[in-house]
Amino acid sequence: RDRELLAGFVLSLALYKITLVAIPAFMLLCGRRW
């Protein structure tokens, strides 16, 4: 839905288990999805 800011926030809520989100979060950075 092109709600990138909210998408990133929602993804961070899964940080309770770092292995779930570490690689996807790193790819956001590599893809420059600021």
PDB file of all heavy atoms in Angstrom:
ATOM      1  N   ARG A   1       0.831  -1.210   0.000  1.00  0.00           N
ATOM      2  CA  ARG A   1       0.000   0.000   0.000  1.00  0.00           C
ATOM      3  C   ARG A   1       0.869   1.266   0.000  1.00  0.00           C
ATOM      4  O   ARG A   1       0.364   2.363   0.232  1.00  0.00           O
ATOM      5  CB  ARG A   1      -0.933   0.014   1.220  1.00  0.00           C
ATOM      6  CG  ARG A   1      -1.942  -1.128   1.241  1.00  0.00           C
ATOM      7  CD  ARG A   1      -2.845  -1.092   0.006  1.00  0.00           C
ATOM      8  NE  ARG A   1      -3.927  -2.052   0.077  1.00  0.00           N
ATOM      9  CZ  ARG A   1      -3.885  -3.301  -0.375  1.00  0.00           C
ATOM     10  NH1 ARG A   1      -2.766  -3.750  -0.928  1.00  0.00           N
ATOM     11  NH2 ARG A   1      -4.927  -4.097  -0.318  1.00  0.00           N
ATOM     12  N   ASP A   2       2.154   1.093  -0.240  1.00  0.00           N
ATOM     13  CA  ASP A   2       3.113   2.191  -0.307  1.00  0.00           C
ATOM     14  C   ASP A   2       3.179   2.975   1.008  1.00  0.00           C
ATOM     15  O   ASP A   2       3.383   4.182   1.009  1.00  0.00           O
ATOM     16  CB  ASP A   2       2.780   3.136  -1.479  1.00  0.00           C
ATOM     17  CG  ASP A   2       3.978   4.014  -1.849  1.00  0.00           C
ATOM     18  OD1 ASP A   2       5.121   3.556  -1.657  1.00  0.00           O
ATOM     19  OD2 ASP A   2       3.767   5.154  -2.309  1.00  0.00           O
ATOM     20  N   ARG A   3       3.046   2.267   2.109  1.00  0.00           N
ATOM     21  CA  ARG A   3       3.161   2.896   3.435  1.00  0.00           C
ATOM     22  C   ARG A   3       4.473   2.408   4.047  1.00  0.00           C
ATOM     23  O   ARG A   3       4.495   1.605   4.985  1.00  0.00           O
ATOM     24  CB  ARG A   3       1.952   2.551   4.294  1.00  0.00           C
ATOM     25  CG  ARG A   3       0.629   2.956   3.638  1.00  0.00           C
ATOM     26  CD  ARG A   3      -0.553   2.790   4.548  1.00  0.00           C
ATOM     27  NE  ARG A   3      -0.538   3.759   5.647  1.00  0.00           N
ATOM     28  CZ  ARG A   3      -1.503   3.861   6.552  1.00  0.00           C
ATOM     29  NH1 ARG A   3      -2.564   3.075   6.483  1.00  0.00           N
ATOM     30  NH2 ARG A   3      -1.414   4.745   7.523  1.00  0.00           N
ATOM     31  N   GLU A   4       5.567   2.898   3.468  1.00  0.00           N
ATOM     32  CA  GLU A   4       6.898   2.395   3.800  1.00  0.00           C
ATOM     33  C   GLU A   4       7.283   2.694   5.253  1.00  0.00           C
ATOM     34  O   GLU A   4       7.911   1.866   5.921  1.00  0.00           O
ATOM     35  CB  GLU A   4       7.934   3.015   2.853  1.00  0.00           C
ATOM     36  CG  GLU A   4       7.749   2.650   1.385  1.00  0.00           C
ATOM     37  CD  GLU A   4       8.338   1.295   1.048  1.00  0.00           C
ATOM     38  OE1 GLU A   4       9.032   0.729   1.921  1.00  0.00           O
ATOM     39  OE2 GLU A   4       8.109   0.805  -0.065  1.00  0.00           O
ATOM     40  N   LEU A   5       6.927   3.852   5.733  1.00  0.00           N
ATOM     41  CA  LEU A   5       7.271   4.226   7.113  1.00  0.00           C
ATOM     42  C   LEU A   5       6.614   3.264   8.102  1.00  0.00           C
ATOM     43  O   LEU A   5       7.257   2.742   9.022  1.00  0.00           O
ATOM     44  CB  LEU A   5       6.838   5.667   7.392  1.00  0.00           C
ATOM     45  CG  LEU A   5       7.252   6.245   8.743  1.00  0.00           C
ATOM     46  CD1 LEU A   5       8.763   6.433   8.813  1.00  0.00           C
ATOM     47  CD2 LEU A   5       6.543   7.589   8.982  1.00  0.00           C
ATOM     48  N   LEU A   6       5.318   3.026   7.907  1.00  0.00           N
ATOM     49  CA  LEU A   6       4.588   2.113   8.781  1.00  0.00           C
ATOM     50  C   LEU A   6       5.113   0.688   8.635  1.00  0.00           C
ATOM     51  O   LEU A   6       5.198  -0.058   9.620  1.00  0.00           O
ATOM     52  CB  LEU A   6       3.089   2.167   8.473  1.00  0.00           C
ATOM     53  CG  LEU A   6       2.185   1.279   9.328  1.00  0.00           C
ATOM     54  CD1 LEU A   6       2.304   1.636  10.801  1.00  0.00           C
ATOM     55  CD2 LEU A   6       0.732   1.392   8.851  1.00  0.00           C
ATOM     56  N   ALA A   7       5.481   0.319   7.400  1.00  0.00           N
ATOM     57  CA  ALA A   7       6.015  -1.028   7.166  1.00  0.00           C
ATOM     58  C   ALA A   7       7.273  -1.269   7.999  1.00  0.00           C
ATOM     59  O   ALA A   7       7.423  -2.310   8.650  1.00  0.00           O
ATOM     60  CB  ALA A   7       6.314  -1.222   5.688  1.00  0.00           C
ATOM     61  N   GLY A   8       8.172  -0.301   7.989  1.00  0.00           N
ATOM     62  CA  GLY A   8       9.389  -0.441   8.773  1.00  0.00           C
ATOM     63  C   GLY A   8       9.098  -0.530  10.268  1.00  0.00           C
ATOM     64  O   GLY A   8       9.721  -1.320  10.990  1.00  0.00           O
ATOM     65  N   PHE A   9       8.145   0.269  10.733  1.00  0.00           N
ATOM     66  CA  PHE A   9       7.791   0.242  12.160  1.00  0.00           C
ATOM     67  C   PHE A   9       7.221  -1.120  12.545  1.00  0.00           C
ATOM     68  O   PHE A   9       7.577  -1.694  13.583  1.00  0.00           O
ATOM     69  CB  PHE A   9       6.776   1.351  12.464  1.00  0.00           C
ATOM     70  CG  PHE A   9       6.416   1.459  13.915  1.00  0.00           C
ATOM     71  CD1 PHE A   9       7.185   2.220  14.775  1.00  0.00           C
ATOM     72  CD2 PHE A   9       5.310   0.789  14.423  1.00  0.00           C
ATOM     73  CE1 PHE A   9       6.862   2.319  16.129  1.00  0.00           C
ATOM     74  CE2 PHE A   9       4.980   0.870  15.772  1.00  0.00           C
ATOM     75  CZ  PHE A   9       5.765   1.642  16.628  1.00  0.00           C
ATOM     76  N   VAL A  10       6.328  -1.645  11.700  1.00  0.00           N
ATOM     77  CA  VAL A  10       5.720  -2.951  11.985  1.00  0.00           C
ATOM     78  C   VAL A  10       6.790  -4.040  12.023  1.00  0.00           C
ATOM     79  O   VAL A  10       6.779  -4.913  12.897  1.00  0.00           O
ATOM     80  CB  VAL A  10       4.640  -3.276  10.927  1.00  0.00           C
ATOM     81  CG1 VAL A  10       4.202  -4.729  11.029  1.00  0.00           C
ATOM     82  CG2 VAL A  10       3.435  -2.351  11.098  1.00  0.00           C
ATOM     83  N   LEU A  11       7.721  -3.993  11.084  1.00  0.00           N
ATOM     84  CA  LEU A  11       8.795  -4.993  11.055  1.00  0.00           C
ATOM     85  C   LEU A  11       9.611  -4.961  12.351  1.00  0.00           C
ATOM     86  O   LEU A  11      10.010  -6.002  12.879  1.00  0.00           O
ATOM     87  CB  LEU A  11       9.706  -4.756   9.857  1.00  0.00           C
ATOM     88  CG  LEU A  11      10.837  -5.771   9.651  1.00  0.00           C
ATOM     89  CD1 LEU A  11      10.270  -7.158   9.362  1.00  0.00           C
ATOM     90  CD2 LEU A  11      11.754  -5.327   8.521  1.00  0.00           C
ATOM     91  N   SER A  12       9.834  -3.770  12.889  1.00  0.00           N
ATOM     92  CA  SER A  12      10.643  -3.652  14.110  1.00  0.00           C
ATOM     93  C   SER A  12       9.980  -4.314  15.306  1.00  0.00           C
ATOM     94  O   SER A  12      10.656  -4.714  16.252  1.00  0.00           O
ATOM     95  CB  SER A  12      10.900  -2.173  14.425  1.00  0.00           C
ATOM     96  OG  SER A  12       9.719  -1.546  14.912  1.00  0.00           O
ATOM     97  N   LEU A  13       8.655  -4.459  15.292  1.00  0.00           N
ATOM     98  CA  LEU A  13       7.958  -5.088  16.412  1.00  0.00           C
ATOM     99  C   LEU A  13       8.311  -6.566  16.541  1.00  0.00           C
ATOM    100  O   LEU A  13       8.090  -7.165  17.598  1.00  0.00           O
ATOM    101  CB  LEU A  13       6.439  -4.918  16.253  1.00  0.00           C
ATOM    102  CG  LEU A  13       5.920  -3.476  16.227  1.00  0.00           C
ATOM    103  CD1 LEU A  13       4.410  -3.452  16.086  1.00  0.00           C
ATOM    104  CD2 LEU A  13       6.348  -2.722  17.487  1.00  0.00           C
ATOM    105  N   ALA A  14       8.851  -7.155  15.470  1.00  0.00           N
ATOM    106  CA  ALA A  14       9.277  -8.558  15.510  1.00  0.00           C
ATOM    107  C   ALA A  14      10.698  -8.710  16.035  1.00  0.00           C
ATOM    108  O   ALA A  14      11.263  -9.809  15.983  1.00  0.00           O
ATOM    109  CB  ALA A  14       9.158  -9.184  14.127  1.00  0.00           C
ATOM    110  N   LEU A  15      11.280  -7.626  16.559  1.00  0.00           N
ATOM    111  CA  LEU A  15      12.634  -7.702  17.112  1.00  0.00           C
ATOM    112  C   LEU A  15      12.710  -8.544  18.381  1.00  0.00           C
ATOM    113  O   LEU A  15      13.803  -8.788  18.892  1.00  0.00           O
ATOM    114  CB  LEU A  15      13.163  -6.297  17.416  1.00  0.00           C
ATOM    115  CG  LEU A  15      13.821  -5.571  16.238  1.00  0.00           C
ATOM    116  CD1 LEU A  15      14.038  -4.109  16.585  1.00  0.00           C
ATOM    117  CD2 LEU A  15      15.140  -6.236  15.872  1.00  0.00           C
ATOM    118  N   TYR A  16      11.563  -8.996  18.884  1.00  0.00           N
ATOM    119  CA  TYR A  16      11.607  -9.896  20.035  1.00  0.00           C
ATOM    120  C   TYR A  16      12.443 -11.139  19.701  1.00  0.00           C
ATOM    121  O   TYR A  16      13.006 -11.781  20.582  1.00  0.00           O
ATOM    122  CB  TYR A  16      10.192 -10.301  20.462  1.00  0.00           C
ATOM    123  CG  TYR A  16       9.470 -11.214  19.501  1.00  0.00           C
ATOM    124  CD1 TYR A  16       9.643 -12.599  19.581  1.00  0.00           C
ATOM    125  CD2 TYR A  16       8.621 -10.709  18.529  1.00  0.00           C
ATOM    126  CE1 TYR A  16       8.980 -13.437  18.706  1.00  0.00           C
ATOM    127  CE2 TYR A  16       7.957 -11.544  17.658  1.00  0.00           C
ATOM    128  CZ  TYR A  16       8.147 -12.909  17.742  1.00  0.00           C
ATOM    129  OH  TYR A  16       7.500 -13.745  16.859  1.00  0.00           O
ATOM    130  N   LYS A  17      12.514 -11.466  18.398  1.00  0.00           N
ATOM    131  CA  LYS A  17      13.369 -12.565  17.937  1.00  0.00           C
ATOM    132  C   LYS A  17      14.223 -12.007  16.805  1.00  0.00           C
ATOM    133  O   LYS A  17      13.780 -11.906  15.656  1.00  0.00           O
ATOM    134  CB  LYS A  17      12.532 -13.752  17.461  1.00  0.00           C
ATOM    135  CG  LYS A  17      13.358 -14.970  17.117  1.00  0.00           C
ATOM    136  CD  LYS A  17      12.463 -16.161  16.832  1.00  0.00           C
ATOM    137  CE  LYS A  17      13.302 -17.398  16.536  1.00  0.00           C
ATOM    138  NZ  LYS A  17      12.459 -18.593  16.297  1.00  0.00           N
ATOM    139  N   ILE A  18      15.445 -11.643  17.125  1.00  0.00           N
ATOM    140  CA  ILE A  18      16.288 -10.890  16.193  1.00  0.00           C
ATOM    141  C   ILE A  18      16.523 -11.635  14.899  1.00  0.00           C
ATOM    142  O   ILE A  18      16.600 -11.027  13.820  1.00  0.00           O
ATOM    143  CB  ILE A  18      17.621 -10.523  16.884  1.00  0.00           C
ATOM    144  CG1 ILE A  18      17.354  -9.526  18.019  1.00  0.00           C
ATOM    145  CG2 ILE A  18      18.615  -9.929  15.893  1.00  0.00           C
ATOM    146  CD1 ILE A  18      18.581  -9.172  18.831  1.00  0.00           C
ATOM    147  N   THR A  19      16.614 -12.960  14.957  1.00  0.00           N
ATOM    148  CA  THR A  19      16.891 -13.716  13.727  1.00  0.00           C
ATOM    149  C   THR A  19      15.766 -13.596  12.708  1.00  0.00           C
ATOM    150  O   THR A  19      15.991 -13.822  11.517  1.00  0.00           O
ATOM    151  CB  THR A  19      17.127 -15.200  14.056  1.00  0.00           C
ATOM    152  OG1 THR A  19      16.029 -15.701  14.840  1.00  0.00           O
ATOM    153  CG2 THR A  19      18.420 -15.389  14.829  1.00  0.00           C
ATOM    154  N   LEU A  20      14.564 -13.265  13.144  1.00  0.00           N
ATOM    155  CA  LEU A  20      13.457 -13.105  12.192  1.00  0.00           C
ATOM    156  C   LEU A  20      13.639 -11.890  11.297  1.00  0.00           C
ATOM    157  O   LEU A  20      13.250 -11.910  10.126  1.00  0.00           O
ATOM    158  CB  LEU A  20      12.129 -12.966  12.942  1.00  0.00           C
ATOM    159  CG  LEU A  20      11.430 -14.223  13.454  1.00  0.00           C
ATOM    160  CD1 LEU A  20      10.139 -13.830  14.148  1.00  0.00           C
ATOM    161  CD2 LEU A  20      11.149 -15.193  12.324  1.00  0.00           C
ATOM    162  N   VAL A  21      14.205 -10.822  11.849  1.00  0.00           N
ATOM    163  CA  VAL A  21      14.185  -9.538  11.144  1.00  0.00           C
ATOM    164  C   VAL A  21      15.564  -9.001  10.775  1.00  0.00           C
ATOM    165  O   VAL A  21      15.656  -8.012  10.048  1.00  0.00           O
ATOM    166  CB  VAL A  21      13.430  -8.476  11.972  1.00  0.00           C
ATOM    167  CG1 VAL A  21      11.990  -8.874  12.180  1.00  0.00           C
ATOM    168  CG2 VAL A  21      14.105  -8.243  13.310  1.00  0.00           C
ATOM    169  N   ALA A  22      16.630  -9.628  11.254  1.00  0.00           N
ATOM    170  CA  ALA A  22      17.968  -9.065  11.016  1.00  0.00           C
ATOM    171  C   ALA A  22      18.277  -8.956   9.527  1.00  0.00           C
ATOM    172  O   ALA A  22      18.706  -7.893   9.050  1.00  0.00           O
ATOM    173  CB  ALA A  22      19.021  -9.925  11.726  1.00  0.00           C
ATOM    174  N   ILE A  23      18.057 -10.028   8.780  1.00  0.00           N
ATOM    175  CA  ILE A  23      18.394 -10.001   7.341  1.00  0.00           C
ATOM    176  C   ILE A  23      17.422  -9.109   6.568  1.00  0.00           C
ATOM    177  O   ILE A  23      17.863  -8.272   5.768  1.00  0.00           O
ATOM    178  CB  ILE A  23      18.458 -11.428   6.785  1.00  0.00           C
ATOM    179  CG1 ILE A  23      19.643 -12.170   7.412  1.00  0.00           C
ATOM    180  CG2 ILE A  23      18.578 -11.415   5.262  1.00  0.00           C
ATOM    181  CD1 ILE A  23      19.769 -13.630   7.006  1.00  0.00           C
ATOM    182  N   PRO A  24      16.085  -9.227   6.755  1.00  0.00           N
ATOM    183  CA  PRO A  24      15.192  -8.286   6.054  1.00  0.00           C
ATOM    184  C   PRO A  24      15.495  -6.820   6.362  1.00  0.00           C
ATOM    185  O   PRO A  24      15.467  -5.975   5.462  1.00  0.00           O
ATOM    186  CB  PRO A  24      13.795  -8.685   6.560  1.00  0.00           C
ATOM    187  CG  PRO A  24      13.926 -10.128   6.889  1.00  0.00           C
ATOM    188  CD  PRO A  24      15.314 -10.284   7.448  1.00  0.00           C
ATOM    189  N   ALA A  25      15.805  -6.504   7.620  1.00  0.00           N
ATOM    190  CA  ALA A  25      16.123  -5.116   7.970  1.00  0.00           C
ATOM    191  C   ALA A  25      17.411  -4.662   7.280  1.00  0.00           C
ATOM    192  O   ALA A  25      17.512  -3.519   6.809  1.00  0.00           O
ATOM    193  CB  ALA A  25      16.260  -4.964   9.486  1.00  0.00           C
ATOM    194  N   PHE A  26      18.391  -5.532   7.203  1.00  0.00           N
ATOM    195  CA  PHE A  26      19.645  -5.206   6.515  1.00  0.00           C
ATOM    196  C   PHE A  26      19.392  -4.961   5.030  1.00  0.00           C
ATOM    197  O   PHE A  26      20.001  -4.072   4.418  1.00  0.00           O
ATOM    198  CB  PHE A  26      20.646  -6.348   6.708  1.00  0.00           C
ATOM    199  CG  PHE A  26      21.977  -6.112   6.051  1.00  0.00           C
ATOM    200  CD1 PHE A  26      22.713  -4.957   6.300  1.00  0.00           C
ATOM    201  CD2 PHE A  26      22.503  -7.045   5.177  1.00  0.00           C
ATOM    202  CE1 PHE A  26      23.939  -4.743   5.699  1.00  0.00           C
ATOM    203  CE2 PHE A  26      23.729  -6.840   4.560  1.00  0.00           C
ATOM    204  CZ  PHE A  26      24.454  -5.691   4.828  1.00  0.00           C
ATOM    205  N   MET A  27      18.460  -5.708   4.433  1.00  0.00           N
ATOM    206  CA  MET A  27      18.147  -5.508   3.012  1.00  0.00           C
ATOM    207  C   MET A  27      17.412  -4.187   2.774  1.00  0.00           C
ATOM    208  O   MET A  27      17.542  -3.586   1.705  1.00  0.00           O
ATOM    209  CB  MET A  27      17.328  -6.684   2.478  1.00  0.00           C
ATOM    210  CG  MET A  27      18.076  -8.001   2.518  1.00  0.00           C
ATOM    211  SD  MET A  27      19.737  -7.893   1.792  1.00  0.00           S
ATOM    212  CE  MET A  27      20.619  -9.110   2.765  1.00  0.00           C
ATOM    213  N   LEU A  28      16.635  -3.735   3.756  1.00  0.00           N
ATOM    214  CA  LEU A  28      16.046  -2.397   3.634  1.00  0.00           C
ATOM    215  C   LEU A  28      17.143  -1.351   3.514  1.00  0.00           C
ATOM    216  O   LEU A  28      17.041  -0.403   2.719  1.00  0.00           O
ATOM    217  CB  LEU A  28      15.176  -2.090   4.856  1.00  0.00           C
ATOM    218  CG  LEU A  28      13.840  -2.815   4.988  1.00  0.00           C
ATOM    219  CD1 LEU A  28      13.183  -2.448   6.316  1.00  0.00           C
ATOM    220  CD2 LEU A  28      12.913  -2.480   3.827  1.00  0.00           C
ATOM    221  N   LEU A  29      18.192  -1.521   4.300  1.00  0.00           N
ATOM    222  CA  LEU A  29      19.315  -0.592   4.263  1.00  0.00           C
ATOM    223  C   LEU A  29      20.067  -0.698   2.943  1.00  0.00           C
ATOM    224  O   LEU A  29      20.378   0.321   2.309  1.00  0.00           O
ATOM    225  CB  LEU A  29      20.253  -0.888   5.437  1.00  0.00           C
ATOM    226  CG  LEU A  29      21.357   0.124   5.729  1.00  0.00           C
ATOM    227  CD1 LEU A  29      20.765   1.479   6.110  1.00  0.00           C
ATOM    228  CD2 LEU A  29      22.249  -0.392   6.860  1.00  0.00           C
ATOM    229  N   CYS A  30      20.323  -1.917   2.489  1.00  0.00           N
ATOM    230  CA  CYS A  30      21.034  -2.107   1.215  1.00  0.00           C
ATOM    231  C   CYS A  30      20.218  -1.578   0.036  1.00  0.00           C
ATOM    232  O   CYS A  30      20.782  -1.068  -0.936  1.00  0.00           O
ATOM    233  CB  CYS A  30      21.337  -3.597   1.003  1.00  0.00           C
ATOM    234  SG  CYS A  30      22.515  -4.285   2.184  1.00  0.00           S
ATOM    235  N   GLY A  31      18.899  -1.718   0.126  1.00  0.00           N
ATOM    236  CA  GLY A  31      18.034  -1.237  -0.948  1.00  0.00           C
ATOM    237  C   GLY A  31      17.716   0.242  -0.864  1.00  0.00           C
ATOM    238  O   GLY A  31      16.980   0.770  -1.686  1.00  0.00           O
ATOM    239  N   ARG A  32      18.277   0.913   0.168  1.00  0.00           N
ATOM    240  CA  ARG A  32      18.079   2.354   0.369  1.00  0.00           C
ATOM    241  C   ARG A  32      16.598   2.723   0.464  1.00  0.00           C
ATOM    242  O   ARG A  32      16.147   3.731  -0.071  1.00  0.00           O
ATOM    243  CB  ARG A  32      18.778   3.140  -0.740  1.00  0.00           C
ATOM    244  CG  ARG A  32      20.296   3.104  -0.639  1.00  0.00           C
ATOM    245  CD  ARG A  32      20.956   3.336  -1.973  1.00  0.00           C
ATOM    246  NE  ARG A  32      20.731   2.196  -2.857  1.00  0.00           N
ATOM    247  CZ  ARG A  32      21.211   2.105  -4.090  1.00  0.00           C
ATOM    248  NH1 ARG A  32      21.932   3.090  -4.580  1.00  0.00           N
ATOM    249  NH2 ARG A  32      20.960   1.052  -4.838  1.00  0.00           N
ATOM    250  N   ARG A  33      15.863   1.879   1.184  1.00  0.00           N
ATOM    251  CA  ARG A  33      14.452   2.159   1.440  1.00  0.00           C
ATOM    252  C   ARG A  33      14.396   3.006   2.710  1.00  0.00           C
ATOM    253  O   ARG A  33      14.096   2.542   3.806  1.00  0.00           O
ATOM    254  CB  ARG A  33      13.662   0.864   1.614  1.00  0.00           C
ATOM    255  CG  ARG A  33      13.921  -0.182   0.558  1.00  0.00           C
ATOM    256  CD  ARG A  33      13.617   0.315  -0.828  1.00  0.00           C
ATOM    257  NE  ARG A  33      12.214   0.683  -0.986  1.00  0.00           N
ATOM    258  CZ  ARG A  33      11.713   1.228  -2.084  1.00  0.00           C
ATOM    259  NH1 ARG A  33      12.519   1.516  -3.102  1.00  0.00           N
ATOM    260  NH2 ARG A  33      10.431   1.515  -2.163  1.00  0.00           N
ATOM    261  N   TRP A  34      14.716   4.299   2.549  1.00  0.00           N
ATOM    262  CA  TRP A  34      14.998   5.134   3.709  1.00  0.00           C
ATOM    263  C   TRP A  34      13.789   5.360   4.603  1.00  0.00           C
ATOM    264  O   TRP A  34      13.918   5.441   5.831  1.00  0.00           O
ATOM    265  CB  TRP A  34      15.591   6.470   3.258  1.00  0.00           C
ATOM    266  CG  TRP A  34      16.859   6.323   2.481  1.00  0.00           C
ATOM    267  CD1 TRP A  34      17.129   6.771   1.230  1.00  0.00           C
ATOM    268  CD2 TRP A  34      18.063   5.645   2.922  1.00  0.00           C
ATOM    269  NE1 TRP A  34      18.405   6.431   0.844  1.00  0.00           N
ATOM    270  CE2 TRP A  34      19.002   5.742   1.867  1.00  0.00           C
ATOM    271  CE3 TRP A  34      18.420   4.955   4.081  1.00  0.00           C
ATOM    272  CZ2 TRP A  34      20.275   5.192   1.947  1.00  0.00           C
ATOM    273  CZ3 TRP A  34      19.685   4.399   4.169  1.00  0.00           C
ATOM    274  CH2 TRP A  34      20.597   4.528   3.119  1.00  0.00           C
TER     275      TRP A  34
END
